[in-house]
C-alpha atoms as a PDB file:
ATOM      1  CA  UNK A   1      44.348 -21.122   2.026  1.00  0.00           C
ATOM      2  CA  UNK A   2      43.878 -23.240   5.197  1.00  0.00           C
ATOM      3  CA  UNK A   3      40.720 -24.991   6.136  1.00  0.00           C
ATOM      4  CA  UNK A   4      40.180 -26.622   9.478  1.00  0.00           C
ATOM      5  CA  UNK A   5      37.093 -28.629  10.465  1.00  0.00           C
ATOM      6  CA  UNK A   6      35.684 -28.940  13.953  1.00  0.00           C
ATOM      7  CA  UNK A   7      34.178 -32.033  15.465  1.00  0.00           C
ATOM      8  CA  UNK A   8      30.931 -31.395  17.511  1.00  0.00           C
ATOM      9  CA  UNK A   9      28.690 -33.517  19.592  1.00  0.00           C
ATOM     10  CA  UNK A  10      25.666 -34.983  17.706  1.00  0.00           C
ATOM     11  CA  UNK A  11      23.561 -31.788  17.369  1.00  0.00           C
ATOM     12  CA  UNK A  12      19.968 -32.348  18.588  1.00  0.00           C
ATOM     13  CA  UNK A  13      16.888 -30.533  17.796  1.00  0.00           C
ATOM     14  CA  UNK A  14      16.287 -26.962  19.212  1.00  0.00           C
ATOM     15  CA  UNK A  15      19.801 -26.548  20.586  1.00  0.00           C
ATOM     16  CA  UNK A  16      21.209 -23.102  20.680  1.00  0.00           C
ATOM     17  CA  UNK A  17      23.235 -22.430  17.593  1.00  0.00           C
ATOM     18  CA  UNK A  18      25.269 -19.544  19.129  1.00  0.00           C
ATOM     19  CA  UNK A  19      26.163 -21.816  22.053  1.00  0.00           C
ATOM     20  CA  UNK A  20      27.371 -24.525  19.676  1.00  0.00           C
ATOM     21  CA  UNK A  21      29.466 -21.879  17.853  1.00  0.00           C
ATOM     22  CA  UNK A  22      30.999 -20.426  21.120  1.00  0.00           C
ATOM     23  CA  UNK A  23      31.761 -23.933  22.456  1.00  0.00           C
ATOM     24  CA  UNK A  24      33.553 -25.350  19.393  1.00  0.00           C
ATOM     25  CA  UNK A  25      34.869 -22.280  17.747  1.00  0.00           C
ATOM     26  CA  UNK A  26      36.263 -20.623  20.906  1.00  0.00           C
ATOM     27  CA  UNK A  27      39.415 -19.388  18.976  1.00  0.00           C
ATOM     28  CA  UNK A  28      38.655 -17.323  15.768  1.00  0.00           C
ATOM     29  CA  UNK A  29      41.368 -15.225  14.152  1.00  0.00           C
ATOM     30  CA  UNK A  30      40.928 -11.905  12.217  1.00  0.00           C
ATOM     31  CA  UNK A  31      39.879 -12.243   8.538  1.00  0.00           C
ATOM     32  CA  UNK A  32      38.605 -15.801   9.045  1.00  0.00           C
ATOM     33  CA  UNK A  33      35.525 -17.254   7.286  1.00  0.00           C
ATOM     34  CA  UNK A  34      33.176 -19.382   9.556  1.00  0.00           C
ATOM     35  CA  UNK A  35      31.628 -22.267   7.624  1.00  0.00           C
ATOM     36  CA  UNK A  36      28.488 -23.908   8.963  1.00  0.00           C
ATOM     37  CA  UNK A  37      26.677 -26.747   7.366  1.00  0.00           C
ATOM     38  CA  UNK A  38      22.966 -26.000   6.871  1.00  0.00           C
ATOM     39  CA  UNK A  39      21.871 -29.271   8.524  1.00  0.00           C
ATOM     40  CA  UNK A  40      22.686 -28.186  12.169  1.00  0.00           C
ATOM     41  CA  UNK A  41      21.050 -24.776  11.402  1.00  0.00           C
ATOM     42  CA  UNK A  42      17.874 -26.866  10.357  1.00  0.00           C
ATOM     43  CA  UNK A  43      18.202 -28.840  13.668  1.00  0.00           C
ATOM     44  CA  UNK A  44      18.446 -25.774  15.841  1.00  0.00           C
ATOM     45  CA  UNK A  45      15.467 -24.354  14.094  1.00  0.00           C
ATOM     46  CA  UNK A  46      13.526 -27.680  14.610  1.00  0.00           C
ATOM     47  CA  UNK A  47      13.143 -28.022  10.811  1.00  0.00           C
ATOM     48  CA  UNK A  48      12.660 -31.709  11.122  1.00  0.00           C
ATOM     49  CA  UNK A  49       9.683 -34.237  10.505  1.00  0.00           C
ATOM     50  CA  UNK A  50       9.546 -37.861  11.852  1.00  0.00           C
ATOM     51  CA  UNK A  51       9.620 -39.943   8.738  1.00  0.00           C
ATOM     52  CA  UNK A  52       6.933 -42.294   9.979  1.00  0.00           C
ATOM     53  CA  UNK A  53       4.609 -39.367  10.297  1.00  0.00           C
ATOM     54  CA  UNK A  54       5.030 -38.186   6.737  1.00  0.00           C
ATOM     55  CA  UNK A  55       2.321 -39.947   4.589  1.00  0.00           C
ATOM     56  CA  UNK A  56       3.812 -39.017   1.214  1.00  0.00           C
ATOM     57  CA  UNK A  57       7.322 -37.811   0.858  1.00  0.00           C
ATOM     58  CA  UNK A  58       6.535 -36.395  -2.600  1.00  0.00           C
ATOM     59  CA  UNK A  59       3.791 -34.250  -1.257  1.00  0.00           C
ATOM     60  CA  UNK A  60       6.322 -32.849   1.258  1.00  0.00           C
ATOM     61  CA  UNK A  61       8.817 -32.132  -1.494  1.00  0.00           C
ATOM     62  CA  UNK A  62       6.018 -30.331  -3.371  1.00  0.00           C
ATOM     63  CA  UNK A  63       5.240 -28.233  -0.437  1.00  0.00           C
ATOM     64  CA  UNK A  64       9.063 -27.441   0.360  1.00  0.00           C
ATOM     65  CA  UNK A  65      10.148 -26.727  -3.218  1.00  0.00           C
ATOM     66  CA  UNK A  66       9.686 -23.388  -4.901  1.00  0.00           C
ATOM     67  CA  UNK A  67       9.292 -25.165  -8.293  1.00  0.00           C
ATOM     68  CA  UNK A  68       9.204 -28.961  -8.974  1.00  0.00           C
ATOM     69  CA  UNK A  69       9.196 -31.003 -12.039  1.00  0.00           C
ATOM     70  CA  UNK A  70       6.680 -33.968 -12.381  1.00  0.00           C
ATOM     71  CA  UNK A  71       7.401 -37.052 -14.435  1.00  0.00           C
ATOM     72  CA  UNK A  72       8.038 -40.651 -14.698  1.00  0.00           C
ATOM     73  CA  UNK A  73      11.606 -40.233 -13.738  1.00  0.00           C
ATOM     74  CA  UNK A  74      10.571 -39.687 -10.018  1.00  0.00           C
ATOM     75  CA  UNK A  75       9.632 -43.351  -9.525  1.00  0.00           C
ATOM     76  CA  UNK A  76      12.547 -44.569 -11.714  1.00  0.00           C
ATOM     77  CA  UNK A  77      15.290 -42.642  -9.659  1.00  0.00           C
ATOM     78  CA  UNK A  78      13.477 -41.965  -6.450  1.00  0.00           C
ATOM     79  CA  UNK A  79      14.039 -38.286  -6.412  1.00  0.00           C
ATOM     80  CA  UNK A  80      12.102 -35.198  -7.688  1.00  0.00           C
ATOM     81  CA  UNK A  81      14.012 -32.335  -9.352  1.00  0.00           C
ATOM     82  CA  UNK A  82      13.260 -28.988  -7.657  1.00  0.00           C
ATOM     83  CA  UNK A  83      14.299 -25.365  -7.553  1.00  0.00           C
ATOM     84  CA  UNK A  84      14.707 -24.085  -3.916  1.00  0.00           C
ATOM     85  CA  UNK A  85      16.055 -20.614  -3.025  1.00  0.00           C
ATOM     86  CA  UNK A  86      17.335 -20.297  -6.580  1.00  0.00           C
ATOM     87  CA  UNK A  87      19.229 -23.446  -6.462  1.00  0.00           C
ATOM     88  CA  UNK A  88      18.572 -26.457  -8.789  1.00  0.00           C
ATOM     89  CA  UNK A  89      18.569 -29.222  -6.285  1.00  0.00           C
ATOM     90  CA  UNK A  90      16.941 -32.701  -5.841  1.00  0.00           C
ATOM     91  CA  UNK A  91      13.996 -33.016  -3.398  1.00  0.00           C
ATOM     92  CA  UNK A  92      13.962 -29.440  -2.351  1.00  0.00           C
ATOM     93  CA  UNK A  93      17.097 -30.083  -0.235  1.00  0.00           C
ATOM     94  CA  UNK A  94      15.218 -32.602   2.156  1.00  0.00           C
ATOM     95  CA  UNK A  95      17.833 -34.697   3.631  1.00  0.00           C
ATOM     96  CA  UNK A  96      17.697 -38.155   5.371  1.00  0.00           C
ATOM     97  CA  UNK A  97      21.409 -38.860   5.917  1.00  0.00           C
ATOM     98  CA  UNK A  98      22.424 -38.571   9.542  1.00  0.00           C
ATOM     99  CA  UNK A  99      18.929 -37.759  10.328  1.00  0.00           C
ATOM    100  CA  UNK A 100      18.161 -40.792  12.676  1.00  0.00           C
ATOM    101  CA  UNK A 101      14.618 -41.463  11.356  1.00  0.00           C
ATOM    102  CA  UNK A 102      13.871 -37.806  10.646  1.00  0.00           C
ATOM    103  CA  UNK A 103      13.491 -35.719   7.392  1.00  0.00           C
ATOM    104  CA  UNK A 104      15.742 -32.706   7.823  1.00  0.00           C
ATOM    105  CA  UNK A 105      14.321 -29.664   5.893  1.00  0.00           C
ATOM    106  CA  UNK A 106      16.035 -26.528   4.599  1.00  0.00           C
ATOM    107  CA  UNK A 107      16.532 -23.841   7.234  1.00  0.00           C
ATOM    108  CA  UNK A 108      14.217 -20.865   7.431  1.00  0.00           C
ATOM    109  CA  UNK A 109      15.515 -17.167   6.513  1.00  0.00           C
ATOM    110  CA  UNK A 110      19.036 -18.331   5.455  1.00  0.00           C
ATOM    111  CA  UNK A 111      20.464 -14.979   4.736  1.00  0.00           C
ATOM    112  CA  UNK A 112      19.037 -13.390   7.966  1.00  0.00           C
ATOM    113  CA  UNK A 113      20.481 -16.296   9.836  1.00  0.00           C
ATOM    114  CA  UNK A 114      23.935 -15.766   8.242  1.00  0.00           C
ATOM    115  CA  UNK A 115      23.695 -12.100   9.257  1.00  0.00           C
ATOM    116  CA  UNK A 116      22.829 -13.040  12.747  1.00  0.00           C
ATOM    117  CA  UNK A 117      25.702 -15.483  13.074  1.00  0.00           C
ATOM    118  CA  UNK A 118      28.059 -12.797  11.580  1.00  0.00           C
ATOM    119  CA  UNK A 119      26.845 -10.175  14.042  1.00  0.00           C
ATOM    120  CA  UNK A 120      27.294 -12.528  17.040  1.00  0.00           C
ATOM    121  CA  UNK A 121      30.815 -13.564  16.090  1.00  0.00           C
ATOM    122  CA  UNK A 122      31.790  -9.940  15.461  1.00  0.00           C
ATOM    123  CA  UNK A 123      30.554  -8.846  18.913  1.00  0.00           C
ATOM    124  CA  UNK A 124      32.222 -11.879  20.539  1.00  0.00           C
ATOM    125  CA  UNK A 125      35.612 -11.412  18.788  1.00  0.00           C
ATOM    126  CA  UNK A 126      35.684  -7.765  18.297  1.00  0.00           C
ATOM    127  CA  UNK A 127      36.988  -8.327  14.884  1.00  0.00           C
ATOM    128  CA  UNK A 128      35.597  -6.030  12.143  1.00  0.00           C
ATOM    129  CA  UNK A 129      36.597  -8.254   9.211  1.00  0.00           C
ATOM    130  CA  UNK A 130      35.102 -11.786   9.641  1.00  0.00           C
ATOM    131  CA  UNK A 131      32.949 -13.929   7.320  1.00  0.00           C
ATOM    132  CA  UNK A 132      30.176 -16.502   7.539  1.00  0.00           C
ATOM    133  CA  UNK A 133      29.251 -19.177   5.015  1.00  0.00           C
ATOM    134  CA  UNK A 134      26.356 -21.538   5.192  1.00  0.00           C
ATOM    135  CA  UNK A 135      26.792 -24.639   3.027  1.00  0.00           C
ATOM    136  CA  UNK A 136      25.067 -27.812   1.771  1.00  0.00           C
ATOM    137  CA  UNK A 137      25.836 -30.671  -0.492  1.00  0.00           C
ATOM    138  CA  UNK A 138      24.940 -30.496  -4.088  1.00  0.00           C
ATOM    139  CA  UNK A 139      25.049 -32.703  -7.279  1.00  0.00           C
ATOM    140  CA  UNK A 140      26.337 -31.522 -10.565  1.00  0.00           C
ATOM    141  CA  UNK A 141      24.655 -32.554 -13.846  1.00  0.00           C
ATOM    142  CA  UNK A 142      26.789 -34.985 -15.785  1.00  0.00           C
ATOM    143  CA  UNK A 143      29.070 -35.590 -12.861  1.00  0.00           C
ATOM    144  CA  UNK A 144      29.039 -38.437 -10.214  1.00  0.00           C
ATOM    145  CA  UNK A 145      29.330 -37.449  -6.574  1.00  0.00           C
ATOM    146  CA  UNK A 146      28.433 -34.396  -4.506  1.00  0.00           C
ATOM    147  CA  UNK A 147      30.214 -31.166  -3.907  1.00  0.00           C
ATOM    148  CA  UNK A 148      29.511 -28.187  -1.701  1.00  0.00           C
ATOM    149  CA  UNK A 149      27.437 -25.223  -2.503  1.00  0.00           C
ATOM    150  CA  UNK A 150      26.943 -21.909  -0.584  1.00  0.00           C
ATOM    151  CA  UNK A 151      23.241 -21.278   0.498  1.00  0.00           C
ATOM    152  CA  UNK A 152      23.899 -17.989   2.286  1.00  0.00           C
ATOM    153  CA  UNK A 153      26.842 -15.634   3.471  1.00  0.00           C
ATOM    154  CA  UNK A 154      27.662 -12.580   5.182  1.00  0.00           C
ATOM    155  CA  UNK A 155      30.866 -10.366   5.634  1.00  0.00           C
ATOM    156  CA  UNK A 156      32.571 -10.450   2.323  1.00  0.00           C
ATOM    157  CA  UNK A 157      31.896  -9.924  -1.418  1.00  0.00           C
ATOM    158  CA  UNK A 158      30.511 -12.887  -3.192  1.00  0.00           C
ATOM    159  CA  UNK A 159      32.227 -12.418  -6.466  1.00  0.00           C
ATOM    160  CA  UNK A 160      35.667 -11.590  -7.808  1.00  0.00           C
ATOM    161  CA  UNK A 161      35.585  -9.922 -11.182  1.00  0.00           C
ATOM    162  CA  UNK A 162      38.179 -10.324 -13.791  1.00  0.00           C
ATOM    163  CA  UNK A 163      36.210  -7.998 -16.162  1.00  0.00           C
ATOM    164  CA  UNK A 164      38.522  -5.445 -17.856  1.00  0.00           C
ATOM    165  CA  UNK A 165      41.627  -7.263 -16.382  1.00  0.00           C
ATOM    166  CA  UNK A 166      44.166  -8.527 -18.943  1.00  0.00           C
ATOM    167  CA  UNK A 167      44.663 -12.264 -19.749  1.00  0.00           C
ATOM    168  CA  UNK A 168      48.065 -13.750 -20.032  1.00  0.00           C
ATOM    169  CA  UNK A 169      48.377 -12.029 -23.492  1.00  0.00           C
ATOM    170  CA  UNK A 170      47.224  -8.705 -22.528  1.00  0.00           C
ATOM    171  CA  UNK A 171      43.626  -8.898 -23.983  1.00  0.00           C
ATOM    172  CA  UNK A 172      40.935  -7.548 -21.558  1.00  0.00           C
ATOM    173  CA  UNK A 173      38.588 -10.125 -20.138  1.00  0.00           C
ATOM    174  CA  UNK A 174      34.934  -9.303 -20.713  1.00  0.00           C
ATOM    175  CA  UNK A 175      32.685 -11.717 -18.712  1.00  0.00           C
ATOM    176  CA  UNK A 176      34.828 -13.703 -16.306  1.00  0.00           C
ATOM    177  CA  UNK A 177      33.899 -13.681 -12.654  1.00  0.00           C
ATOM    178  CA  UNK A 178      34.851 -16.136  -9.973  1.00  0.00           C
ATOM    179  CA  UNK A 179      31.982 -17.378  -7.756  1.00  0.00           C
ATOM    180  CA  UNK A 180      33.722 -16.938  -4.359  1.00  0.00           C
ATOM    181  CA  UNK A 181      30.815 -18.403  -2.439  1.00  0.00           C
ATOM    182  CA  UNK A 182      30.652 -21.809  -4.096  1.00  0.00           C
ATOM    183  CA  UNK A 183      34.410 -22.155  -4.471  1.00  0.00           C
ATOM    184  CA  UNK A 184      34.937 -21.765  -0.669  1.00  0.00           C
ATOM    185  CA  UNK A 185      31.733 -23.946  -0.004  1.00  0.00           C
ATOM    186  CA  UNK A 186      33.113 -26.819  -2.220  1.00  0.00           C
ATOM    187  CA  UNK A 187      36.541 -26.717  -0.426  1.00  0.00           C
ATOM    188  CA  UNK A 188      35.094 -26.556   3.014  1.00  0.00           C
ATOM    189  CA  UNK A 189      32.476 -29.291   2.451  1.00  0.00           C
ATOM    190  CA  UNK A 190      35.238 -31.545   1.076  1.00  0.00           C
ATOM    191  CA  UNK A 191      37.228 -31.042   4.396  1.00  0.00           C
ATOM    192  CA  UNK A 192      34.216 -31.454   6.662  1.00  0.00           C
ATOM    193  CA  UNK A 193      32.974 -34.654   4.958  1.00  0.00           C
ATOM    194  CA  UNK A 194      29.641 -36.267   4.271  1.00  0.00           C
ATOM    195  CA  UNK A 195      29.465 -39.278   6.678  1.00  0.00           C
ATOM    196  CA  UNK A 196      30.396 -40.063  10.210  1.00  0.00           C
ATOM    197  CA  UNK A 197      33.174 -37.403  10.582  1.00  0.00           C
ATOM    198  CA  UNK A 198      30.732 -35.240  12.752  1.00  0.00           C
ATOM    199  CA  UNK A 199      32.448 -32.023  11.679  1.00  0.00           C
ATOM    200  CA  UNK A 200      29.742 -29.514  10.663  1.00  0.00           C
ATOM    201  CA  UNK A 201      31.826 -26.504  11.351  1.00  0.00           C
ATOM    202  CA  UNK A 202      35.150 -25.297   9.750  1.00  0.00           C
ATOM    203  CA  UNK A 203      37.168 -22.114   9.646  1.00  0.00           C
ATOM    204  CA  UNK A 204      38.906 -20.935   6.313  1.00  0.00           C
ATOM    205  CA  UNK A 205      41.878 -18.758   6.804  1.00  0.00           C
ATOM    206  CA  UNK A 206      44.058 -17.011   4.303  1.00  0.00           C
ATOM    207  CA  UNK A 207      41.665 -17.229   1.423  1.00  0.00           C
ATOM    208  CA  UNK A 208      42.770 -15.209  -1.582  1.00  0.00           C
ATOM    209  CA  UNK A 209      40.663 -12.643  -3.425  1.00  0.00           C
ATOM    210  CA  UNK A 210      38.369 -11.875  -0.346  1.00  0.00           C
ATOM    211  CA  UNK A 211      37.134  -8.357   0.086  1.00  0.00           C
ATOM    212  CA  UNK A 212      35.595  -8.163   3.590  1.00  0.00           C
ATOM    213  CA  UNK A 213      32.491  -5.927   4.251  1.00  0.00           C
ATOM    214  CA  UNK A 214      31.512  -4.451   7.659  1.00  0.00           C
ATOM    215  CA  UNK A 215      27.862  -4.976   6.805  1.00  0.00           C
ATOM    216  CA  UNK A 216      25.550  -7.684   5.780  1.00  0.00           C
ATOM    217  CA  UNK A 217      24.873  -7.958   2.024  1.00  0.00           C
ATOM    218  CA  UNK A 218      22.216  -5.710   0.477  1.00  0.00           C
ATOM    219  CA  UNK A 219      19.225  -7.322  -1.221  1.00  0.00           C
ATOM    220  CA  UNK A 220      20.697  -6.146  -4.353  1.00  0.00           C
ATOM    221  CA  UNK A 221      23.918  -8.024  -3.744  1.00  0.00           C
ATOM    222  CA  UNK A 222      21.921 -11.060  -2.848  1.00  0.00           C
ATOM    223  CA  UNK A 223      20.048 -11.031  -6.135  1.00  0.00           C
ATOM    224  CA  UNK A 224      23.208 -10.261  -8.146  1.00  0.00           C
ATOM    225  CA  UNK A 225      24.568 -13.854  -7.581  1.00  0.00           C
ATOM    226  CA  UNK A 226      21.586 -15.558  -9.045  1.00  0.00           C
ATOM    227  CA  UNK A 227      20.530 -15.931 -12.675  1.00  0.00           C
ATOM    228  CA  UNK A 228      16.817 -16.399 -13.707  1.00  0.00           C
ATOM    229  CA  UNK A 229      16.322 -19.705 -15.854  1.00  0.00           C
ATOM    230  CA  UNK A 230      15.607 -17.708 -18.929  1.00  0.00           C
ATOM    231  CA  UNK A 231      18.870 -15.793 -18.783  1.00  0.00           C
ATOM    232  CA  UNK A 232      21.078 -18.895 -17.743  1.00  0.00           C
ATOM    233  CA  UNK A 233      23.601 -20.421 -20.040  1.00  0.00           C
ATOM    234  CA  UNK A 234      21.517 -23.745 -19.625  1.00  0.00           C
ATOM    235  CA  UNK A 235      18.087 -22.057 -20.412  1.00  0.00           C
ATOM    236  CA  UNK A 236      17.481 -24.438 -23.253  1.00  0.00           C
ATOM    237  CA  UNK A 237      17.346 -27.286 -20.645  1.00  0.00           C
ATOM    238  CA  UNK A 238      15.824 -25.178 -17.829  1.00  0.00           C
ATOM    239  CA  UNK A 239      13.092 -23.649 -19.726  1.00  0.00           C
ATOM    240  CA  UNK A 240      12.067 -26.490 -22.036  1.00  0.00           C
ATOM    241  CA  UNK A 241      10.223 -28.415 -19.176  1.00  0.00           C
ATOM    242  CA  UNK A 242       6.948 -27.525 -17.285  1.00  0.00           C
ATOM    243  CA  UNK A 243       7.958 -26.426 -13.794  1.00  0.00           C
ATOM    244  CA  UNK A 244       5.196 -26.629 -11.164  1.00  0.00           C
ATOM    245  CA  UNK A 245       4.860 -24.034  -8.532  1.00  0.00           C
ATOM    246  CA  UNK A 246       4.965 -25.038  -4.920  1.00  0.00           C
ATOM    247  CA  UNK A 247       1.542 -26.094  -3.433  1.00  0.00           C
END
């Protein structure tokens, strides 16, 4: 697998995302997966707020989150645990890094945006097999540091199933599936970087286990990659606290 990151200018609010893609990803080969950090999509959608105009950041987090967890830990650690778009993530994904005095919020309609990007690239390249992946940074419980996570995708199957396939001793596997989306996202975000690299775009080539699709994912396929807190392996942790619904 090969991942190439692409340096851009400093993306400003309300720029055209398609023009940015056409400018910096002028050469795209068949069966490539285009990776875009969610932050530049937020900027293009004008999903920003001037920090000095936000009276209470915690109120903003409560508004942006789907679910949030109150507690004394907020003052201690300076973050609020939230669930946003079926992802367990601090502060509803609101980001201050590389914001130049602004809070950058999650983009609107991520799956729709991924599909629109995919369609634009397919028309431009005339390639039937091409993928799109929108990423963000993410923390993992009990691990220091951040990795990449997928927020939306289009053009390929999100999971690779080993169910029914033999292990090295010939015994059939019963539950194992690879999360292709987050595996690719983690690799791409590592290459794109988190600081002053200014490389919010990447192209993944020759990725294994990819099945391309010539259509956007269905709602059923989108729902199939998520697990409810009550059915999750970590349900004892996720369901033992009192999540508050967004205001």
